[in-house]
N, C-alpha and C. Protein backbone atom coordinates (compact mmCIF):
# COMPACT_ATOMS: atom_id res chain seq x y z
N MET A 1 -11.24 -1.25 -1.58
CA MET A 1 -11.23 -0.88 -0.76
C MET A 1 -9.37 -0.86 -0.32
N VAL A 2 -8.95 -1.60 -0.35
CA VAL A 2 -7.79 -2.09 -0.63
C VAL A 2 -6.35 -1.10 -0.98
N LEU A 3 -7.07 -0.85 -2.68
CA LEU A 3 -6.24 0.27 -3.52
C LEU A 3 -6.39 1.49 -3.17
N ALA A 4 -7.40 2.06 -1.99
CA ALA A 4 -8.08 3.24 -1.55
C ALA A 4 -6.59 3.34 -0.15
N ALA A 5 -6.89 1.87 0.38
CA ALA A 5 -5.62 2.37 1.49
C ALA A 5 -3.83 2.85 1.47
N GLY A 6 -4.13 1.42 -0.14
CA GLY A 6 -2.41 1.24 0.03
C GLY A 6 -1.99 3.19 -1.14
N LEU A 7 -2.88 3.76 -1.92
CA LEU A 7 -3.19 4.65 -2.34
C LEU A 7 -2.84 6.01 -0.97
N MET A 8 -3.48 6.05 -0.42
CA MET A 8 -3.54 6.70 1.12
C MET A 8 -1.87 6.12 1.59
N GLU A 9 -1.42 5.12 1.63
CA GLU A 9 -0.01 5.00 2.79
C GLU A 9 1.11 5.65 1.44
N VAL A 10 0.78 5.69 0.45
CA VAL A 10 1.82 6.09 -0.40
C VAL A 10 1.74 7.86 -0.18
N ALA A 11 0.60 8.19 -0.26
CA ALA A 11 0.89 9.48 0.33
C ALA A 11 1.03 9.84 1.57
N TRP A 12 1.19 8.88 2.77
CA TRP A 12 1.83 9.56 3.82
C TRP A 12 3.05 9.57 3.57
N VAL A 13 3.42 7.87 3.53
CA VAL A 13 5.10 7.74 3.63
C VAL A 13 5.86 9.25 2.33
N SER A 14 5.07 9.12 1.49
CA SER A 14 6.20 10.52 1.27
C SER A 14 5.78 12.08 1.74
N GLY A 15 4.88 12.28 2.23
CA GLY A 15 3.91 13.25 3.41
C GLY A 15 5.67 12.92 4.23
N LEU A 16 5.33 12.20 5.06
CA LEU A 16 6.43 11.97 6.60
C LEU A 16 8.17 12.14 5.85
N LYS A 17 8.43 12.42 4.13
CA LYS A 17 9.23 12.74 4.00
C LYS A 17 9.98 14.41 3.30
N HIS A 18 8.40 14.74 3.33
CA HIS A 18 8.59 15.78 1.93
C HIS A 18 7.64 17.02 2.91
N ALA A 19 7.56 16.45 3.73
CA ALA A 19 6.17 17.66 4.79
C ALA A 19 6.95 18.86 5.17
N ASP A 20 6.72 19.72 5.39
CA ASP A 20 7.51 21.29 5.64
C ASP A 20 7.29 21.69 6.10
N THR A 21 5.29 22.15 6.29
CA THR A 21 4.78 23.27 6.31
C THR A 21 3.78 22.45 7.50
N ALA A 22 2.95 22.85 8.74
CA ALA A 22 1.70 22.39 9.78
C ALA A 22 0.99 21.73 8.53
N LEU A 23 0.86 22.75 7.99
CA LEU A 23 -0.35 22.47 7.19
C LEU A 23 -0.47 20.96 6.18
N GLU A 24 1.08 20.55 5.59
CA GLU A 24 1.66 19.38 5.33
C GLU A 24 1.52 18.27 6.16
N TRP A 25 2.34 18.84 7.11
CA TRP A 25 2.14 17.67 8.20
C TRP A 25 0.90 17.07 8.66
N ALA A 26 0.05 18.08 9.00
CA ALA A 26 -1.23 17.62 9.26
C ALA A 26 -2.30 16.86 8.15
N GLY A 27 -1.83 17.22 6.52
CA GLY A 27 -2.32 16.40 5.56
C GLY A 27 -1.53 14.26 5.42
N THR A 28 -0.59 15.07 6.42
CA THR A 28 0.38 13.88 5.93
C THR A 28 -0.42 12.64 7.43
N ALA A 29 -1.05 13.35 8.79
CA ALA A 29 -1.27 12.58 9.71
C ALA A 29 -2.75 12.50 9.11
N LEU A 30 -3.31 13.40 8.84
CA LEU A 30 -4.85 12.72 7.95
C LEU A 30 -5.00 11.21 7.15
N ALA A 31 -3.95 11.61 6.02
CA ALA A 31 -3.92 10.62 5.16
C ALA A 31 -3.20 9.29 5.92
N ILE A 32 -2.55 9.44 7.30
CA ILE A 32 -2.57 7.62 7.85
C ILE A 32 -3.58 7.32 8.60
N ILE A 33 -4.94 8.67 9.39
CA ILE A 33 -5.69 7.77 9.86
C ILE A 33 -7.10 7.26 8.62
N ILE A 34 -6.69 8.44 7.46
CA ILE A 34 -7.19 7.21 6.41
C ILE A 34 -7.20 6.03 5.88
N SER A 35 -6.01 6.06 5.91
CA SER A 35 -5.13 4.89 5.62
C SER A 35 -5.89 3.26 6.03
N PHE A 36 -4.90 3.65 7.37
CA PHE A 36 -4.95 2.43 8.31
C PHE A 36 -7.40 2.26 8.36
N ALA A 37 -7.90 3.25 8.71
CA ALA A 37 -9.11 2.99 8.68
C ALA A 37 -9.73 2.29 7.66
N VAL A 38 -9.12 2.82 6.47
CA VAL A 38 -10.01 1.64 5.20
C VAL A 38 -9.39 0.35 5.49
N LEU A 39 -7.89 0.77 5.93
CA LEU A 39 -7.48 -0.99 5.62
C LEU A 39 -8.84 -2.11 7.23
N ILE A 40 -8.39 -1.28 7.86
CA ILE A 40 -8.92 -1.91 8.88
C ILE A 40 -10.34 -2.52 8.77
N TYR A 41 -11.14 -1.81 7.84
CA TYR A 41 -12.37 -2.00 7.66
C TYR A 41 -12.56 -3.39 6.45
N ALA A 42 -10.83 -3.35 5.77
CA ALA A 42 -10.83 -3.79 4.46
C ALA A 42 -10.88 -5.89 5.02
N THR A 43 -10.25 -5.53 6.36
CA THR A 43 -9.79 -6.67 6.68
C THR A 43 -11.02 -7.13 7.29
N LYS A 44 -12.18 -6.62 7.73
CA LYS A 44 -13.32 -7.04 8.16
C LYS A 44 -14.00 -7.93 7.13
N VAL A 45 -13.57 -7.66 5.73
CA VAL A 45 -13.98 -8.85 4.50
C VAL A 45 -13.40 -8.89 4.38
N LEU A 46 -11.82 -9.04 4.04
CA LEU A 46 -11.26 -9.81 3.33
C LEU A 46 -10.14 -9.84 4.08
N PRO A 47 -9.60 -11.69 3.86
CA PRO A 47 -8.36 -12.48 4.38
C PRO A 47 -7.16 -11.35 5.40
N VAL A 48 -6.97 -11.58 6.19
CA VAL A 48 -6.47 -10.51 6.71
C VAL A 48 -4.61 -10.39 5.83
N GLY A 49 -4.06 -11.70 5.64
CA GLY A 49 -2.66 -12.32 5.31
C GLY A 49 -2.86 -11.43 4.09
N THR A 50 -4.06 -11.51 3.28
CA THR A 50 -4.18 -10.98 2.16
C THR A 50 -3.62 -9.33 1.95
N VAL A 51 -5.16 -9.04 2.62
CA VAL A 51 -4.71 -7.64 2.47
C VAL A 51 -4.00 -6.74 3.40
N TYR A 52 -3.16 -7.72 4.12
CA TYR A 52 -1.67 -6.46 4.19
C TYR A 52 -0.76 -6.77 3.23
N ALA A 53 -0.65 -8.26 2.85
CA ALA A 53 0.67 -8.33 1.68
C ALA A 53 -0.27 -7.42 0.64
N VAL A 54 -1.33 -6.74 0.26
CA VAL A 54 -1.65 -5.91 -0.78
C VAL A 54 -1.61 -4.71 -0.25
N PHE A 55 -1.56 -4.50 1.02
CA PHE A 55 -1.56 -3.06 1.03
C PHE A 55 -0.16 -2.19 0.99
N THR A 56 1.18 -3.04 1.47
CA THR A 56 2.20 -3.01 1.86
C THR A 56 2.80 -3.68 0.24
N GLY A 57 2.05 -3.86 -0.83
CA GLY A 57 3.08 -4.04 -1.69
C GLY A 57 2.25 -3.21 -2.88
N LEU A 58 1.40 -2.41 -2.62
CA LEU A 58 1.01 -0.94 -3.31
C LEU A 58 1.48 -0.05 -2.99
N GLY A 59 1.67 -0.32 -1.74
CA GLY A 59 2.26 1.06 -0.63
C GLY A 59 3.84 0.89 -0.89
N THR A 60 4.77 -0.41 -1.24
CA THR A 60 5.90 -0.31 -1.70
C THR A 60 6.10 0.40 -3.34
N ILE A 61 5.23 -0.51 -4.40
CA ILE A 61 5.51 0.12 -5.27
C ILE A 61 4.99 1.31 -6.06
N GLY A 62 3.76 1.71 -5.25
CA GLY A 62 3.72 3.06 -5.10
C GLY A 62 4.58 4.24 -4.98
N THR A 63 5.44 3.38 -3.63
CA THR A 63 6.03 5.01 -3.51
C THR A 63 7.38 4.72 -3.76
N VAL A 64 7.55 3.76 -4.80
CA VAL A 64 9.03 3.58 -5.30
C VAL A 64 8.84 4.82 -6.68
N ILE A 65 7.59 4.39 -6.95
CA ILE A 65 6.83 5.41 -8.29
C ILE A 65 6.74 6.86 -8.02
N ALA A 66 5.92 7.13 -6.79
CA ALA A 66 5.87 8.67 -7.19
C ALA A 66 7.31 8.98 -6.79
N GLU A 67 8.35 8.65 -5.67
CA GLU A 67 9.15 9.34 -5.87
C GLU A 67 10.42 9.56 -6.93
N MET A 68 10.39 8.57 -7.54
CA MET A 68 10.78 8.24 -9.53
C MET A 68 10.32 9.64 -10.10
N LEU A 69 8.82 9.53 -9.59
CA LEU A 69 8.10 10.60 -11.01
C LEU A 69 7.56 12.43 -10.38
N PHE A 70 7.67 12.27 -9.32
CA PHE A 70 7.24 13.48 -8.73
C PHE A 70 8.64 13.79 -7.65
N PHE A 71 9.75 13.20 -7.46
CA PHE A 71 9.97 13.72 -6.79
C PHE A 71 11.53 13.40 -7.17
N GLY A 72 12.23 13.65 -8.10
CA GLY A 72 13.30 13.27 -8.84
C GLY A 72 14.02 11.64 -7.91
N GLU A 73 13.65 10.71 -7.30
CA GLU A 73 14.79 10.12 -7.08
C GLU A 73 14.93 9.13 -8.10
N PRO A 74 16.36 8.81 -8.66
CA PRO A 74 16.95 8.56 -9.68
C PRO A 74 16.74 7.10 -10.30
N PHE A 75 16.07 6.85 -11.26
CA PHE A 75 15.68 5.96 -11.80
C PHE A 75 17.02 3.82 -11.69
N HIS A 76 16.78 3.20 -11.23
CA HIS A 76 17.57 2.25 -11.30
C HIS A 76 16.95 0.94 -11.76
N LEU A 77 17.48 0.71 -13.28
CA LEU A 77 16.52 -0.91 -13.75
C LEU A 77 16.63 -1.92 -12.09
N MET A 78 17.27 -2.19 -11.68
CA MET A 78 17.31 -3.47 -10.34
C MET A 78 16.69 -2.62 -9.77
N LYS A 79 16.17 -1.28 -8.78
CA LYS A 79 14.57 -1.01 -8.24
C LYS A 79 13.75 -1.49 -8.73
N LEU A 80 13.71 -1.57 -10.23
CA LEU A 80 12.17 -1.68 -11.40
C LEU A 80 12.32 -2.99 -10.98
N LEU A 81 13.20 -3.77 -11.86
CA LEU A 81 13.21 -5.36 -11.15
C LEU A 81 12.73 -6.07 -9.98
N LEU A 82 12.98 -5.39 -8.74
CA LEU A 82 12.85 -5.85 -8.27
C LEU A 82 11.61 -5.37 -7.19
N VAL A 83 11.03 -4.02 -7.60
CA VAL A 83 9.33 -3.71 -7.71
C VAL A 83 8.18 -5.02 -8.60
N ILE A 84 8.81 -4.99 -9.23
CA ILE A 84 8.39 -6.36 -10.61
C ILE A 84 7.66 -7.57 -9.90
N VAL A 85 9.09 -8.14 -9.15
CA VAL A 85 9.17 -8.83 -8.83
C VAL A 85 7.83 -9.02 -7.29
N LEU A 86 8.35 -7.95 -6.53
CA LEU A 86 7.23 -8.01 -5.55
C LEU A 86 5.69 -8.09 -5.59
N LEU A 87 5.76 -7.43 -7.13
CA LEU A 87 4.30 -7.35 -7.67
C LEU A 87 3.45 -8.15 -7.91
N ILE A 88 4.55 -9.77 -8.76
CA ILE A 88 4.58 -10.94 -8.25
C ILE A 88 4.13 -11.72 -7.65
N GLY A 89 4.80 -10.95 -6.45
CA GLY A 89 4.42 -11.83 -5.24
C GLY A 89 3.27 -12.12 -4.25
N VAL A 90 2.61 -10.21 -4.75
CA VAL A 90 1.51 -9.77 -3.97
C VAL A 90 0.61 -10.90 -5.08
N ILE A 91 0.81 -10.96 -6.25
CA ILE A 91 -0.78 -11.25 -7.21
C ILE A 91 -0.97 -12.37 -7.01
N GLY A 92 0.40 -12.70 -6.55
CA GLY A 92 0.11 -15.10 -6.30
C GLY A 92 -0.24 -15.25 -5.24
N LEU A 93 0.07 -13.77 -4.26
CA LEU A 93 -0.73 -14.36 -3.04
C LEU A 93 -1.91 -14.59 -2.96
N LYS A 94 -2.76 -13.47 -4.29
CA LYS A 94 -4.11 -13.30 -4.50
C LYS A 94 -4.60 -14.41 -5.12
N VAL A 95 -3.59 -14.93 -5.89
CA VAL A 95 -4.63 -16.00 -6.25
C VAL A 95 -4.33 -16.96 -6.01
N VAL A 96 -3.61 -17.53 -4.84
CA VAL A 96 -4.14 -18.77 -4.37
C VAL A 96 -3.95 -18.57 -2.76
N THR A 97 -4.73 -17.37 -2.52
CA THR A 97 -5.55 -17.41 -1.45
C THR A 97 -6.95 -18.14 -1.32
N ASP A 98 -7.74 -19.23 -0.84
CA ASP A 98 -8.50 -19.79 -0.55
C ASP A 98 -9.46 -19.15 -0.39
N GLU A 99 -10.24 -18.62 -1.32
CA GLU A 99 -11.31 -17.55 -0.81
C GLU A 99 -12.72 -18.42 0.32
N SER A 100 -12.72 -19.73 -0.02
CA SER A 100 -13.88 -20.50 0.61
C SER A 100 -13.43 -20.56 1.68
N SER A 101 -12.30 -21.10 2.15
CA SER A 101 -11.46 -21.07 3.50
C SER A 101 -11.48 -19.96 4.16
N SER A 102 -11.17 -18.74 2.98
CA SER A 102 -11.89 -17.78 3.82
C SER A 102 -12.85 -17.13 5.19
N ALA A 103 -13.77 -17.42 3.90
CA ALA A 103 -15.17 -16.73 4.03
C ALA A 103 -15.37 -18.04 5.42
N GLU A 104 -15.16 -19.05 5.38
CA GLU A 104 -15.49 -19.70 6.43
C GLU A 104 -15.10 -19.70 8.05
N GLU A 105 -13.86 -18.86 7.72
CA GLU A 105 -12.80 -18.70 8.81
C GLU A 105 -13.45 -17.46 9.35
N GLY A 106 -13.97 -16.88 8.87
CA GLY A 106 -14.85 -15.26 9.09
C GLY A 106 -16.55 -15.95 9.48
N SER A 107 -16.39 -16.59 9.56
CA SER A 107 -18.48 -17.18 9.53
C SER A 107 -18.18 -17.64 11.41
């Protein structure tokens, strides 16, 4: 669910920058609604902090990659290294999150 919300975030962030027609703006608005609806649902099942960190991390990484692949954003090695550091941080947060204490908090 968080992956789907992150992918929708990439779509709407790119839409905010590149939308020109009413249909493109409607698609951007729909992507925002879907992204946050799925995100809210995911927070009912998983720890909020982890969900939000993964969501924003995936959105950031996905947006940087999508801009380079689809919209001609120039490639910079430093940008790639910083995205890798971000990804390591998101994975690290997931690894150190205690699943049992998160489940107890939700009870």
